[in-house]
Amino acid sequence: MPNEILAKTKTEIEPTISLNSIANGAGRISAVIDNTTTKAGRGLLHVKAKTGTSPTVDTIFKFYLIRQSNGTNNVKSGGGALGDVDAAVTTEPINATMVGSIRVAGTSNLEYSESFVVDMPGDKFSFVFWNATAVTTNATAPTPSLQWEPFVDEVQ
């Protein structure tokens, strides 16, 4: 009988990130997720974001994966100036992997939810939310704003 490789889900993680009142052309980086024990090779990023007043139709929220090394001198994708714990981001990390985007309508104060597949996140990583909706996000962020659902391969 042949073996099967099955994806086993591990405990979801909600890294700290504040998605309230983020200006257009700005972002926020989540707390670092330590994957050195779980060793998930892929997973789902579940996100919620809420528009502010009068967003421009067909503008977007963007989500980036920021991989980092596990070495003493940590190296980050997307630029070394990014913080580690729920920090403001002033420059879009365009050289990092964009895992997905949410296109918004012109409706004020509308909450959006989406899930994105993330492959090979690495030993340690974060996510960056980038606001490109032409308006500041809502003052009250959805809860939770981010959830990471890791998948680990298991041979049976």
Protein backbone atom coordinates (compact mmCIF):
# COMPACT_ATOMS: atom_id res chain seq x y z
CA MET A 1 0.00 0.00 0.00
CA PRO A 2 1.48 3.41 -0.98
CA ASN A 3 1.96 6.15 1.57
CA GLU A 4 0.08 9.41 1.45
CA ILE A 5 1.42 12.83 2.28
CA LEU A 6 -1.29 14.78 4.07
CA ALA A 7 -1.35 18.40 5.11
CA LYS A 8 -1.86 18.61 8.85
CA THR A 9 -3.04 21.92 10.27
CA LYS A 10 -1.38 23.29 13.38
CA THR A 11 -2.65 25.84 15.88
CA GLU A 12 -3.53 29.18 14.31
CA ILE A 13 -1.49 32.19 15.33
CA GLU A 14 -2.75 35.76 15.56
CA PRO A 15 0.35 37.95 15.33
CA THR A 16 -0.05 41.41 16.84
CA ILE A 17 -0.82 44.09 14.25
CA SER A 18 -2.86 47.28 14.48
CA LEU A 19 -4.78 48.04 11.29
CA ASN A 20 -6.70 51.04 12.61
CA SER A 21 -6.22 54.57 11.22
CA ILE A 22 -3.47 53.73 8.73
CA ALA A 23 -2.98 56.51 6.20
CA ASN A 24 -3.05 55.92 2.46
CA GLY A 25 0.48 55.13 1.25
CA ALA A 26 1.46 53.65 4.61
CA GLY A 27 1.43 50.27 6.29
CA ARG A 28 2.05 48.17 9.34
CA ILE A 29 4.21 45.10 10.00
CA SER A 30 3.00 42.27 12.22
CA ALA A 31 4.88 40.74 15.11
CA VAL A 32 7.38 38.08 14.03
CA ILE A 33 6.07 34.51 13.71
CA ASP A 34 8.63 31.94 14.88
CA ASN A 35 8.35 28.86 12.66
CA THR A 36 11.51 27.12 13.92
CA THR A 37 9.54 24.54 15.95
CA THR A 38 6.42 24.07 13.80
CA LYS A 39 8.44 24.04 10.53
CA ALA A 40 5.37 24.72 8.41
CA GLY A 41 6.24 24.73 4.71
CA ARG A 42 3.04 26.53 3.80
CA GLY A 43 -0.12 27.92 5.28
CA LEU A 44 -3.04 30.26 4.91
CA LEU A 45 -2.98 33.92 5.79
CA HIS A 46 -6.48 34.99 6.83
CA VAL A 47 -6.97 38.76 6.83
CA LYS A 48 -9.59 41.36 7.68
CA ALA A 49 -9.30 45.06 6.87
CA LYS A 50 -11.79 47.91 6.95
CA THR A 51 -11.98 50.93 4.69
CA GLY A 52 -12.32 54.45 5.96
CA THR A 53 -14.58 57.15 4.56
CA SER A 54 -15.03 57.36 0.76
CA PRO A 55 -12.29 55.05 -0.57
CA THR A 56 -11.53 55.23 -4.29
CA VAL A 57 -13.21 52.42 -6.26
CA ASP A 58 -10.85 49.63 -7.39
CA THR A 59 -7.98 50.64 -5.12
CA ILE A 60 -6.41 47.97 -2.92
CA PHE A 61 -5.13 46.69 0.38
CA LYS A 62 -1.90 44.71 -0.12
CA PHE A 63 -0.34 42.00 2.03
CA TYR A 64 3.36 41.12 1.88
CA LEU A 65 5.38 38.24 3.35
CA ILE A 66 8.57 39.40 5.05
CA ARG A 67 10.91 36.44 5.44
CA GLN A 68 13.88 36.76 7.74
CA SER A 69 16.91 34.70 8.54
CA ASN A 70 17.32 32.97 11.87
CA GLY A 71 20.93 34.07 12.20
CA THR A 72 22.58 36.33 14.74
CA ASN A 73 22.62 39.12 12.16
CA ASN A 74 19.01 38.89 11.01
CA VAL A 75 18.44 39.60 7.28
CA LYS A 76 14.91 40.59 6.19
CA SER A 77 13.29 40.57 2.78
CA GLY A 78 11.63 43.85 1.92
CA GLY A 79 14.33 45.96 3.54
CA GLY A 80 16.12 45.91 6.85
CA ALA A 81 14.43 49.10 8.08
CA LEU A 82 11.19 47.24 8.80
CA GLY A 83 10.36 46.82 12.48
CA ASP A 84 9.64 43.58 14.31
CA VAL A 85 6.58 44.13 16.49
CA ASP A 86 3.48 45.88 15.16
CA ALA A 87 5.53 48.76 13.77
CA ALA A 88 4.62 51.48 11.27
CA VAL A 89 5.87 50.99 7.70
CA THR A 90 6.52 54.14 5.69
CA THR A 91 7.94 52.60 2.48
CA GLU A 92 6.12 49.87 0.57
CA PRO A 93 8.27 46.69 0.61
CA ILE A 94 8.05 46.18 -3.17
CA ASN A 95 10.94 43.66 -3.24
CA ALA A 96 9.17 41.37 -0.79
CA THR A 97 6.69 38.67 -1.83
CA MET A 98 3.17 40.04 -2.17
CA VAL A 99 0.87 37.25 -1.03
CA GLY A 100 -2.35 38.94 -2.04
CA SER A 101 -4.48 42.03 -2.37
CA ILE A 102 -8.07 43.02 -1.73
CA ARG A 103 -9.78 45.32 -4.21
CA VAL A 104 -12.17 47.69 -2.50
CA ALA A 105 -15.43 49.29 -3.57
CA GLY A 106 -16.22 52.95 -3.04
CA THR A 107 -18.23 52.11 0.08
CA SER A 108 -17.21 53.77 3.34
CA ASN A 109 -16.43 51.72 6.45
CA LEU A 110 -16.76 48.33 4.76
CA GLU A 111 -14.98 45.30 6.23
CA TYR A 112 -13.23 42.88 3.86
CA SER A 113 -12.07 39.32 4.59
CA GLU A 114 -9.82 37.15 2.46
CA SER A 115 -7.45 34.17 2.68
CA PHE A 116 -4.16 33.75 0.80
CA VAL A 117 -1.92 30.70 0.31
CA VAL A 118 1.64 31.30 1.50
CA ASP A 119 4.43 28.92 0.45
CA MET A 120 7.84 28.53 2.08
CA PRO A 121 7.51 31.23 4.74
CA GLY A 122 10.88 30.40 6.33
CA ASP A 123 12.05 30.04 9.92
CA LYS A 124 10.88 33.49 10.99
CA PHE A 125 8.58 35.85 9.15
CA SER A 126 6.11 38.71 9.41
CA PHE A 127 3.38 40.15 7.25
CA VAL A 128 3.06 43.73 6.06
CA PHE A 129 -0.31 45.36 5.44
CA TRP A 130 -0.13 48.22 2.92
CA ASN A 131 -2.98 50.70 2.42
CA ALA A 132 -3.43 51.94 -1.16
CA THR A 133 -7.13 52.90 -1.00
CA ALA A 134 -6.61 56.70 -1.20
CA VAL A 135 -8.04 57.13 2.34
CA THR A 136 -7.12 56.29 5.92
CA THR A 137 -8.38 52.92 7.18
CA ASN A 138 -11.22 52.83 9.67
CA ALA A 139 -10.43 53.94 13.24
CA THR A 140 -11.72 50.59 14.51
CA ALA A 141 -9.79 47.62 13.09
CA PRO A 142 -11.50 44.23 12.61
CA THR A 143 -10.69 41.56 15.18
CA PRO A 144 -8.62 39.58 14.46
CA SER A 145 -6.91 41.42 11.62
CA LEU A 146 -4.49 38.59 10.79
CA GLN A 147 -4.46 34.86 11.41
CA TRP A 148 -1.73 32.47 10.28
CA GLU A 149 -2.88 28.85 9.78
CA PRO A 150 0.23 26.66 9.32
CA PHE A 151 0.27 23.37 7.41
CA VAL A 152 2.83 20.63 8.03
CA ASP A 153 3.22 17.61 5.76
CA GLU A 154 2.68 14.25 7.43
CA VAL A 155 3.38 10.86 5.82
CA GLN A 156 0.79 8.18 6.54
